[in-house]
């Protein structure tokens, strides 16, 4: 993943967390956060993207080296990955 794409990932994750986390910081709308980030990636970058948020140890398949794992708080992570190239 290029450094510019990584910057997008961090920026959009921050924006999504700001929008979809309660004011007191006790709850998050995980699905909406993932949807927000996925939408931004698919608008700007080619291919299909997947996003997951949580404490889980999961496995996923990604295309090329297009993946990033961003640590947020409470041992939670946002994982962003390109699941397939753009279909023509």
PDB file of N, CA and C in Angstrom:
ATOM      1  N   UNK A   1       0.857  -1.170   0.000  1.00  0.00           N
ATOM      2  CA  UNK A   1       0.000   0.000   0.000  1.00  0.00           C
ATOM      3  C   UNK A   1       0.908   1.239   0.000  1.00  0.00           C
ATOM      4  N   UNK A   2       0.640   2.151  -0.886  1.00  0.00           N
ATOM      5  CA  UNK A   2       1.464   3.358  -0.976  1.00  0.00           C
ATOM      6  C   UNK A   2       1.290   4.225   0.270  1.00  0.00           C
ATOM      7  N   UNK A   3       2.239   5.114   0.485  1.00  0.00           N
ATOM      8  CA  UNK A   3       2.140   5.992   1.657  1.00  0.00           C
ATOM      9  C   UNK A   3       0.934   6.927   1.544  1.00  0.00           C
ATOM     10  N   UNK A   4       0.595   7.350   0.338  1.00  0.00           N
ATOM     11  CA  UNK A   4      -0.582   8.209   0.154  1.00  0.00           C
ATOM     12  C   UNK A   4      -1.867   7.459   0.501  1.00  0.00           C
ATOM     13  N   UNK A   5      -1.939   6.184   0.127  1.00  0.00           N
ATOM     14  CA  UNK A   5      -3.112   5.370   0.443  1.00  0.00           C
ATOM     15  C   UNK A   5      -3.193   5.128   1.948  1.00  0.00           C
ATOM     16  N   UNK A   6      -2.052   4.923   2.585  1.00  0.00           N
ATOM     17  CA  UNK A   6      -2.030   4.768   4.046  1.00  0.00           C
ATOM     18  C   UNK A   6      -2.512   6.041   4.734  1.00  0.00           C
ATOM     19  N   UNK A   7      -2.105   7.191   4.205  1.00  0.00           N
ATOM     20  CA  UNK A   7      -2.573   8.467   4.758  1.00  0.00           C
ATOM     21  C   UNK A   7      -4.086   8.579   4.630  1.00  0.00           C
ATOM     22  N   UNK A   8      -4.627   8.166   3.476  1.00  0.00           N
ATOM     23  CA  UNK A   8      -6.084   8.154   3.305  1.00  0.00           C
ATOM     24  C   UNK A   8      -6.730   7.269   4.362  1.00  0.00           C
ATOM     25  N   UNK A   9      -6.152   6.094   4.596  1.00  0.00           N
ATOM     26  CA  UNK A   9      -6.704   5.152   5.572  1.00  0.00           C
ATOM     27  C   UNK A   9      -6.777   5.778   6.958  1.00  0.00           C
ATOM     28  N   UNK A  10      -5.708   6.415   7.370  1.00  0.00           N
ATOM     29  CA  UNK A  10      -5.675   7.037   8.700  1.00  0.00           C
ATOM     30  C   UNK A  10      -6.656   8.207   8.771  1.00  0.00           C
ATOM     31  N   UNK A  11      -6.660   9.044   7.751  1.00  0.00           N
ATOM     32  CA  UNK A  11      -7.557  10.206   7.724  1.00  0.00           C
ATOM     33  C   UNK A  11      -9.014   9.777   7.772  1.00  0.00           C
ATOM     34  N   UNK A  12      -9.395   8.832   6.918  1.00  0.00           N
ATOM     35  CA  UNK A  12     -10.794   8.411   6.858  1.00  0.00           C
ATOM     36  C   UNK A  12     -11.215   7.634   8.098  1.00  0.00           C
ATOM     37  N   UNK A  13     -10.287   6.880   8.683  1.00  0.00           N
ATOM     38  CA  UNK A  13     -10.602   6.183   9.933  1.00  0.00           C
ATOM     39  C   UNK A  13     -10.866   7.203  11.030  1.00  0.00           C
ATOM     40  N   UNK A  14     -10.035   8.216  11.110  1.00  0.00           N
ATOM     41  CA  UNK A  14     -10.220   9.268  12.110  1.00  0.00           C
ATOM     42  C   UNK A  14     -11.562   9.968  11.909  1.00  0.00           C
ATOM     43  N   UNK A  15     -11.886  10.318  10.671  1.00  0.00           N
ATOM     44  CA  UNK A  15     -13.165  10.975  10.378  1.00  0.00           C
ATOM     45  C   UNK A  15     -14.342  10.095  10.786  1.00  0.00           C
ATOM     46  N   UNK A  16     -14.279   8.822  10.424  1.00  0.00           N
ATOM     47  CA  UNK A  16     -15.374   7.899  10.731  1.00  0.00           C
ATOM     48  C   UNK A  16     -15.546   7.733  12.236  1.00  0.00           C
ATOM     49  N   UNK A  17     -14.446   7.599  12.952  1.00  0.00           N
ATOM     50  CA  UNK A  17     -14.529   7.460  14.410  1.00  0.00           C
ATOM     51  C   UNK A  17     -15.130   8.709  15.041  1.00  0.00           C
ATOM     52  N   UNK A  18     -14.768   9.859  14.522  1.00  0.00           N
ATOM     53  CA  UNK A  18     -15.295  11.124  15.036  1.00  0.00           C
ATOM     54  C   UNK A  18     -16.809  11.218  14.824  1.00  0.00           C
ATOM     55  N   UNK A  19     -17.267  10.780  13.666  1.00  0.00           N
ATOM     56  CA  UNK A  19     -18.693  10.863  13.333  1.00  0.00           C
ATOM     57  C   UNK A  19     -19.514   9.810  14.074  1.00  0.00           C
ATOM     58  N   UNK A  20     -19.013   8.587  14.152  1.00  0.00           N
ATOM     59  CA  UNK A  20     -19.822   7.457  14.620  1.00  0.00           C
ATOM     60  C   UNK A  20     -19.469   6.938  16.017  1.00  0.00           C
ATOM     61  N   UNK A  21     -18.788   7.759  16.810  1.00  0.00           N
ATOM     62  CA  UNK A  21     -18.541   7.422  18.215  1.00  0.00           C
ATOM     63  C   UNK A  21     -19.372   8.370  19.064  1.00  0.00           C
ATOM     64  N   UNK A  22     -19.995   7.840  20.116  1.00  0.00           N
ATOM     65  CA  UNK A  22     -20.827   8.677  20.981  1.00  0.00           C
ATOM     66  C   UNK A  22     -19.986   9.783  21.617  1.00  0.00           C
ATOM     67  N   UNK A  23     -20.647  10.852  22.007  1.00  0.00           N
ATOM     68  CA  UNK A  23     -19.944  11.992  22.599  1.00  0.00           C
ATOM     69  C   UNK A  23     -19.125  11.614  23.818  1.00  0.00           C
ATOM     70  N   UNK A  24     -19.666  10.708  24.628  1.00  0.00           N
ATOM     71  CA  UNK A  24     -18.937  10.313  25.841  1.00  0.00           C
ATOM     72  C   UNK A  24     -17.900   9.223  25.561  1.00  0.00           C
ATOM     73  N   UNK A  25     -17.823   8.761  24.313  1.00  0.00           N
ATOM     74  CA  UNK A  25     -16.813   7.786  23.919  1.00  0.00           C
ATOM     75  C   UNK A  25     -17.069   6.360  24.366  1.00  0.00           C
ATOM     76  N   UNK A  26     -18.279   6.085  24.851  1.00  0.00           N
ATOM     77  CA  UNK A  26     -18.560   4.743  25.375  1.00  0.00           C
ATOM     78  C   UNK A  26     -19.094   3.773  24.335  1.00  0.00           C
ATOM     79  N   UNK A  27     -19.510   4.275  23.181  1.00  0.00           N
ATOM     80  CA  UNK A  27     -20.030   3.356  22.164  1.00  0.00           C
ATOM     81  C   UNK A  27     -19.683   3.851  20.763  1.00  0.00           C
ATOM     82  N   UNK A  28     -19.619   2.880  19.850  1.00  0.00           N
ATOM     83  CA  UNK A  28     -19.331   3.158  18.444  1.00  0.00           C
ATOM     84  C   UNK A  28     -20.318   2.412  17.569  1.00  0.00           C
ATOM     85  N   UNK A  29     -20.583   2.977  16.421  1.00  0.00           N
ATOM     86  CA  UNK A  29     -21.389   2.293  15.416  1.00  0.00           C
ATOM     87  C   UNK A  29     -20.414   1.637  14.435  1.00  0.00           C
ATOM     88  N   UNK A  30     -19.964   0.440  14.785  1.00  0.00           N
ATOM     89  CA  UNK A  30     -18.913  -0.241  14.020  1.00  0.00           C
ATOM     90  C   UNK A  30     -19.277  -0.429  12.555  1.00  0.00           C
ATOM     91  N   UNK A  31     -20.515  -0.860  12.301  1.00  0.00           N
ATOM     92  CA  UNK A  31     -20.929  -1.089  10.915  1.00  0.00           C
ATOM     93  C   UNK A  31     -20.845   0.198  10.104  1.00  0.00           C
ATOM     94  N   UNK A  32     -21.304   1.302  10.671  1.00  0.00           N
ATOM     95  CA  UNK A  32     -21.285   2.583   9.959  1.00  0.00           C
ATOM     96  C   UNK A  32     -19.855   3.071   9.732  1.00  0.00           C
ATOM     97  N   UNK A  33     -18.981   2.838  10.698  1.00  0.00           N
ATOM     98  CA  UNK A  33     -17.573   3.213  10.553  1.00  0.00           C
ATOM     99  C   UNK A  33     -16.959   2.458   9.376  1.00  0.00           C
ATOM    100  N   UNK A  34     -17.177   1.157   9.342  1.00  0.00           N
ATOM    101  CA  UNK A  34     -16.634   0.333   8.253  1.00  0.00           C
ATOM    102  C   UNK A  34     -17.211   0.743   6.905  1.00  0.00           C
ATOM    103  N   UNK A  35     -18.503   0.991   6.873  1.00  0.00           N
ATOM    104  CA  UNK A  35     -19.168   1.388   5.633  1.00  0.00           C
ATOM    105  C   UNK A  35     -18.607   2.723   5.119  1.00  0.00           C
ATOM    106  N   UNK A  36     -18.400   3.670   6.017  1.00  0.00           N
ATOM    107  CA  UNK A  36     -17.850   4.981   5.673  1.00  0.00           C
ATOM    108  C   UNK A  36     -16.471   4.832   5.027  1.00  0.00           C
ATOM    109  N   UNK A  37     -15.592   4.068   5.675  1.00  0.00           N
ATOM    110  CA  UNK A  37     -14.224   3.889   5.177  1.00  0.00           C
ATOM    111  C   UNK A  37     -14.234   3.153   3.836  1.00  0.00           C
ATOM    112  N   UNK A  38     -15.016   2.093   3.741  1.00  0.00           N
ATOM    113  CA  UNK A  38     -15.116   1.312   2.499  1.00  0.00           C
ATOM    114  C   UNK A  38     -15.575   2.202   1.344  1.00  0.00           C
ATOM    115  N   UNK A  39     -16.588   3.006   1.593  1.00  0.00           N
ATOM    116  CA  UNK A  39     -17.122   3.894   0.553  1.00  0.00           C
ATOM    117  C   UNK A  39     -16.047   4.867   0.070  1.00  0.00           C
ATOM    118  N   UNK A  40     -15.310   5.446   1.007  1.00  0.00           N
ATOM    119  CA  UNK A  40     -14.250   6.384   0.629  1.00  0.00           C
ATOM    120  C   UNK A  40     -13.179   5.693  -0.228  1.00  0.00           C
ATOM    121  N   UNK A  41     -12.781   4.497   0.179  1.00  0.00           N
ATOM    122  CA  UNK A  41     -11.761   3.775  -0.586  1.00  0.00           C
ATOM    123  C   UNK A  41     -12.257   3.433  -1.980  1.00  0.00           C
ATOM    124  N   UNK A  42     -13.472   2.981  -2.098  1.00  0.00           N
ATOM    125  CA  UNK A  42     -13.977   2.583  -3.416  1.00  0.00           C
ATOM    126  C   UNK A  42     -14.253   3.780  -4.311  1.00  0.00           C
ATOM    127  N   UNK A  43     -14.458   4.971  -3.719  1.00  0.00           N
ATOM    128  CA  UNK A  43     -14.621   6.177  -4.523  1.00  0.00           C
ATOM    129  C   UNK A  43     -13.283   6.660  -5.083  1.00  0.00           C
ATOM    130  N   UNK A  44     -12.217   6.528  -4.308  1.00  0.00           N
ATOM    131  CA  UNK A  44     -10.924   7.092  -4.710  1.00  0.00           C
ATOM    132  C   UNK A  44      -9.955   6.075  -5.305  1.00  0.00           C
ATOM    133  N   UNK A  45      -9.963   4.869  -4.795  1.00  0.00           N
ATOM    134  CA  UNK A  45      -8.992   3.856  -5.217  1.00  0.00           C
ATOM    135  C   UNK A  45      -9.702   2.741  -5.986  1.00  0.00           C
ATOM    136  N   UNK A  46      -9.003   2.112  -6.896  1.00  0.00           N
ATOM    137  CA  UNK A  46      -9.618   1.068  -7.712  1.00  0.00           C
ATOM    138  C   UNK A  46      -9.834  -0.211  -6.920  1.00  0.00           C
ATOM    139  N   UNK A  47     -10.711  -1.034  -7.425  1.00  0.00           N
ATOM    140  CA  UNK A  47     -10.944  -2.348  -6.830  1.00  0.00           C
ATOM    141  C   UNK A  47     -12.019  -2.356  -5.761  1.00  0.00           C
ATOM    142  N   UNK A  48     -12.166  -3.529  -5.173  1.00  0.00           N
ATOM    143  CA  UNK A  48     -13.139  -3.723  -4.100  1.00  0.00           C
ATOM    144  C   UNK A  48     -12.380  -3.764  -2.786  1.00  0.00           C
ATOM    145  N   UNK A  49     -12.924  -3.097  -1.778  1.00  0.00           N
ATOM    146  CA  UNK A  49     -12.251  -2.979  -0.487  1.00  0.00           C
ATOM    147  C   UNK A  49     -13.114  -3.558   0.619  1.00  0.00           C
ATOM    148  N   UNK A  50     -12.457  -4.100   1.611  1.00  0.00           N
ATOM    149  CA  UNK A  50     -13.131  -4.609   2.793  1.00  0.00           C
ATOM    150  C   UNK A  50     -12.586  -3.905   4.021  1.00  0.00           C
ATOM    151  N   UNK A  51     -13.445  -3.735   5.020  1.00  0.00           N
ATOM    152  CA  UNK A  51     -13.048  -3.072   6.258  1.00  0.00           C
ATOM    153  C   UNK A  51     -13.667  -3.827   7.417  1.00  0.00           C
ATOM    154  N   UNK A  52     -12.883  -4.086   8.440  1.00  0.00           N
ATOM    155  CA  UNK A  52     -13.441  -4.676   9.658  1.00  0.00           C
ATOM    156  C   UNK A  52     -12.897  -3.919  10.859  1.00  0.00           C
ATOM    157  N   UNK A  53     -13.685  -3.921  11.924  1.00  0.00           N
ATOM    158  CA  UNK A  53     -13.306  -3.220  13.140  1.00  0.00           C
ATOM    159  C   UNK A  53     -13.594  -4.134  14.314  1.00  0.00           C
ATOM    160  N   UNK A  54     -12.652  -4.261  15.215  1.00  0.00           N
ATOM    161  CA  UNK A  54     -12.904  -5.059  16.404  1.00  0.00           C
ATOM    162  C   UNK A  54     -11.645  -5.581  17.046  1.00  0.00           C
ATOM    163  N   UNK A  55     -11.855  -6.460  18.008  1.00  0.00           N
ATOM    164  CA  UNK A  55     -10.750  -7.079  18.739  1.00  0.00           C
ATOM    165  C   UNK A  55     -10.419  -8.450  18.185  1.00  0.00           C
ATOM    166  N   UNK A  56     -11.165  -8.862  17.218  1.00  0.00           N
ATOM    167  CA  UNK A  56     -11.067 -10.236  16.731  1.00  0.00           C
ATOM    168  C   UNK A  56      -9.729 -10.521  16.062  1.00  0.00           C
ATOM    169  N   UNK A  57      -9.362 -11.756  16.148  1.00  0.00           N
ATOM    170  CA  UNK A  57      -8.234 -12.255  15.370  1.00  0.00           C
ATOM    171  C   UNK A  57      -8.863 -12.949  14.179  1.00  0.00           C
ATOM    172  N   UNK A  58      -8.903 -12.264  13.079  1.00  0.00           N
ATOM    173  CA  UNK A  58      -9.602 -12.814  11.923  1.00  0.00           C
ATOM    174  C   UNK A  58      -8.622 -13.057  10.784  1.00  0.00           C
ATOM    175  N   UNK A  59      -9.097 -13.772   9.809  1.00  0.00           N
ATOM    176  CA  UNK A  59      -8.300 -13.958   8.606  1.00  0.00           C
ATOM    177  C   UNK A  59      -9.076 -13.376   7.435  1.00  0.00           C
ATOM    178  N   UNK A  60      -8.351 -12.875   6.483  1.00  0.00           N
ATOM    179  CA  UNK A  60      -8.972 -12.299   5.302  1.00  0.00           C
ATOM    180  C   UNK A  60      -7.998 -12.432   4.148  1.00  0.00           C
ATOM    181  N   UNK A  61      -8.522 -12.411   2.952  1.00  0.00           N
ATOM    182  CA  UNK A  61      -7.706 -12.505   1.753  1.00  0.00           C
ATOM    183  C   UNK A  61      -7.663 -11.127   1.115  1.00  0.00           C
ATOM    184  N   UNK A  62      -6.473 -10.688   0.765  1.00  0.00           N
ATOM    185  CA  UNK A  62      -6.360  -9.372   0.167  1.00  0.00           C
ATOM    186  C   UNK A  62      -5.569  -9.457  -1.129  1.00  0.00           C
ATOM    187  N   UNK A  63      -5.733  -8.436  -1.941  1.00  0.00           N
ATOM    188  CA  UNK A  63      -5.119  -8.360  -3.259  1.00  0.00           C
ATOM    189  C   UNK A  63      -3.810  -7.583  -3.157  1.00  0.00           C
ATOM    190  N   UNK A  64      -2.735  -8.156  -3.689  1.00  0.00           N
ATOM    191  CA  UNK A  64      -1.401  -7.538  -3.648  1.00  0.00           C
ATOM    192  C   UNK A  64      -1.013  -7.204  -2.216  1.00  0.00           C
ATOM    193  N   UNK A  65      -0.385  -6.065  -2.025  1.00  0.00           N
ATOM    194  CA  UNK A  65       0.030  -5.642  -0.685  1.00  0.00           C
ATOM    195  C   UNK A  65      -0.873  -4.534  -0.160  1.00  0.00           C
ATOM    196  N   UNK A  66      -2.094  -4.498  -0.612  1.00  0.00           N
ATOM    197  CA  UNK A  66      -3.004  -3.424  -0.245  1.00  0.00           C
ATOM    198  C   UNK A  66      -3.797  -3.767   1.003  1.00  0.00           C
ATOM    199  N   UNK A  67      -3.129  -3.626   2.151  1.00  0.00           N
ATOM    200  CA  UNK A  67      -3.815  -3.832   3.424  1.00  0.00           C
ATOM    201  C   UNK A  67      -3.111  -3.034   4.506  1.00  0.00           C
ATOM    202  N   UNK A  68      -3.881  -2.659   5.519  1.00  0.00           N
ATOM    203  CA  UNK A  68      -3.336  -1.924   6.653  1.00  0.00           C
ATOM    204  C   UNK A  68      -4.168  -2.269   7.884  1.00  0.00           C
ATOM    205  N   UNK A  69      -3.509  -2.320   9.015  1.00  0.00           N
ATOM    206  CA  UNK A  69      -4.175  -2.574  10.290  1.00  0.00           C
ATOM    207  C   UNK A  69      -3.866  -1.379  11.185  1.00  0.00           C
ATOM    208  N   UNK A  70      -4.904  -0.643  11.572  1.00  0.00           N
ATOM    209  CA  UNK A  70      -4.743   0.571  12.360  1.00  0.00           C
ATOM    210  C   UNK A  70      -5.225   0.301  13.779  1.00  0.00           C
ATOM    211  N   UNK A  71      -4.361   0.524  14.736  1.00  0.00           N
ATOM    212  CA  UNK A  71      -4.724   0.345  16.142  1.00  0.00           C
ATOM    213  C   UNK A  71      -5.495   1.571  16.609  1.00  0.00           C
ATOM    214  N   UNK A  72      -6.672   1.321  17.204  1.00  0.00           N
ATOM    215  CA  UNK A  72      -7.404   2.431  17.813  1.00  0.00           C
ATOM    216  C   UNK A  72      -7.280   2.238  19.322  1.00  0.00           C
ATOM    217  N   UNK A  73      -8.319   2.294  20.089  1.00  0.00           N
ATOM    218  CA  UNK A  73      -8.156   2.134  21.534  1.00  0.00           C
ATOM    219  C   UNK A  73      -8.741   0.817  22.028  1.00  0.00           C
ATOM    220  N   UNK A  74      -8.497   0.496  23.289  1.00  0.00           N
ATOM    221  CA  UNK A  74      -9.026  -0.720  23.922  1.00  0.00           C
ATOM    222  C   UNK A  74      -8.697  -1.988  23.140  1.00  0.00           C
ATOM    223  N   UNK A  75      -7.487  -2.048  22.595  1.00  0.00           N
ATOM    224  CA  UNK A  75      -7.056  -3.215  21.816  1.00  0.00           C
ATOM    225  C   UNK A  75      -7.951  -3.499  20.615  1.00  0.00           C
ATOM    226  N   UNK A  76      -8.551  -2.478  20.064  1.00  0.00           N
ATOM    227  CA  UNK A  76      -9.363  -2.635  18.860  1.00  0.00           C
ATOM    228  C   UNK A  76      -8.555  -2.166  17.649  1.00  0.00           C
ATOM    229  N   UNK A  77      -8.898  -2.748  16.522  1.00  0.00           N
ATOM    230  CA  UNK A  77      -8.197  -2.435  15.279  1.00  0.00           C
ATOM    231  C   UNK A  77      -9.198  -2.212  14.157  1.00  0.00           C
ATOM    232  N   UNK A  78      -8.786  -1.382  13.200  1.00  0.00           N
ATOM    233  CA  UNK A  78      -9.494  -1.254  11.937  1.00  0.00           C
ATOM    234  C   UNK A  78      -8.584  -1.894  10.904  1.00  0.00           C
ATOM    235  N   UNK A  79      -9.107  -2.887  10.204  1.00  0.00           N
ATOM    236  CA  UNK A  79      -8.353  -3.545   9.144  1.00  0.00           C
ATOM    237  C   UNK A  79      -8.981  -3.170   7.809  1.00  0.00           C
ATOM    238  N   UNK A  80      -8.162  -2.660   6.922  1.00  0.00           N
ATOM    239  CA  UNK A  80      -8.615  -2.227   5.601  1.00  0.00           C
ATOM    240  C   UNK A  80      -7.798  -3.008   4.578  1.00  0.00           C
ATOM    241  N   UNK A  81      -8.490  -3.598   3.618  1.00  0.00           N
ATOM    242  CA  UNK A  81      -7.778  -4.420   2.636  1.00  0.00           C
ATOM    243  C   UNK A  81      -8.503  -4.390   1.300  1.00  0.00           C
ATOM    244  N   UNK A  82      -7.718  -4.482   0.228  1.00  0.00           N
ATOM    245  CA  UNK A  82      -8.293  -4.571  -1.109  1.00  0.00           C
ATOM    246  C   UNK A  82      -8.564  -6.040  -1.377  1.00  0.00           C
ATOM    247  N   UNK A  83      -9.832  -6.367  -1.558  1.00  0.00           N
ATOM    248  CA  UNK A  83     -10.202  -7.774  -1.726  1.00  0.00           C
ATOM    249  C   UNK A  83     -10.083  -8.257  -3.163  1.00  0.00           C
ATOM    250  N   UNK A  84     -10.167  -7.351  -4.124  1.00  0.00           N
ATOM    251  CA  UNK A  84      -9.976  -7.728  -5.527  1.00  0.00           C
ATOM    252  C   UNK A  84      -9.732  -6.471  -6.356  1.00  0.00           C
ATOM    253  N   UNK A  85      -9.071  -6.627  -7.497  1.00  0.00           N
ATOM    254  CA  UNK A  85      -8.840  -5.471  -8.360  1.00  0.00           C
ATOM    255  C   UNK A  85     -10.144  -5.032  -9.010  1.00  0.00           C
ATOM    256  N   UNK A  86     -10.119  -3.854  -9.584  1.00  0.00           N
ATOM    257  CA  UNK A  86     -11.300  -3.341 -10.269  1.00  0.00           C
ATOM    258  C   UNK A  86     -11.655  -4.241 -11.437  1.00  0.00           C
ATOM    259  N   UNK A  87     -12.921  -4.581 -11.541  1.00  0.00           N
ATOM    260  CA  UNK A  87     -13.404  -5.409 -12.648  1.00  0.00           C
ATOM    261  C   UNK A  87     -13.634  -4.526 -13.865  1.00  0.00           C
ATOM    262  N   UNK A  88     -13.218  -5.003 -15.036  1.00  0.00           N
ATOM    263  CA  UNK A  88     -13.409  -4.215 -16.258  1.00  0.00           C
ATOM    264  C   UNK A  88     -14.451  -4.842 -17.136  1.00  0.00           C
TER     265      UNK A  88
END
